[in-house]
């Protein structure tokens, strides 16, 4: 059975289940091929709260771009310790000097697409195999580019993705966080609804869209992780990704 057939077989079942049940069924179907990614935003916290209770040994990938807010890094280590997460840090194999030679001294300003590619997209794709099934916290209401998110889908790279929060709203997530008194990034209380790298993340005025603070002032709306595209990108020379458990 190919990936399209698998997705079609499971979709109608998964879309009727709650996140905990989706995670459990995904593991029954895909076993050790199932992994999660998170940047420790509030949606990720919700999904992690289900994972820690349902599949505590599930590999959880966190992409260390070297530009995360200090608050994000502290939260990652806090939850790794307190929730006993199987947290695996991913990072580009390039040094900062090599990236500067390729992209210039401030690529997040002059070349944000390639900056995201080297720091985020490439490390994740290097960690994935063709068999990897990607558990993530993408929601339909996050942005127009995510409005058609499904419970299970295949992205443009051919990666099978499972989205347990596909039909959750922002309010659903925050109600869950408050109900269970879950820790979250304090930047959310400072009008940062979506948190990425500090040079490209800004607070959002009340009433603004969730991702308005990402790459503000530019046409860029996604880092490239969740966009359609090819697994192979020309003009890129890769070296092995750094993968470690942290200190």
Foldseek 3Di string as FASTA:
>chain_A
DAPVVVCVVCFVVLVVDALLVLVQVVCVVQPLLEAEEDQQALLQLLNVVSCLVRPQAHEYEYQCLVQFDPLSVVVVVVCCVPSVHNYKYWFAPDDLVVVCVVQNDCCCVVPVLVSLCRRPVVRVLLVHDLSHEYEYAQELQQDVVLVPPGQWDAAQARHIYGHNCHHPDPVNSVVSCVVVVTDGRCVVVVQFLDGDGVVQADHDPPPDHSQCRGNHPDPDRDNPNRHHDHSDDPPDDGDRMDMGSDD
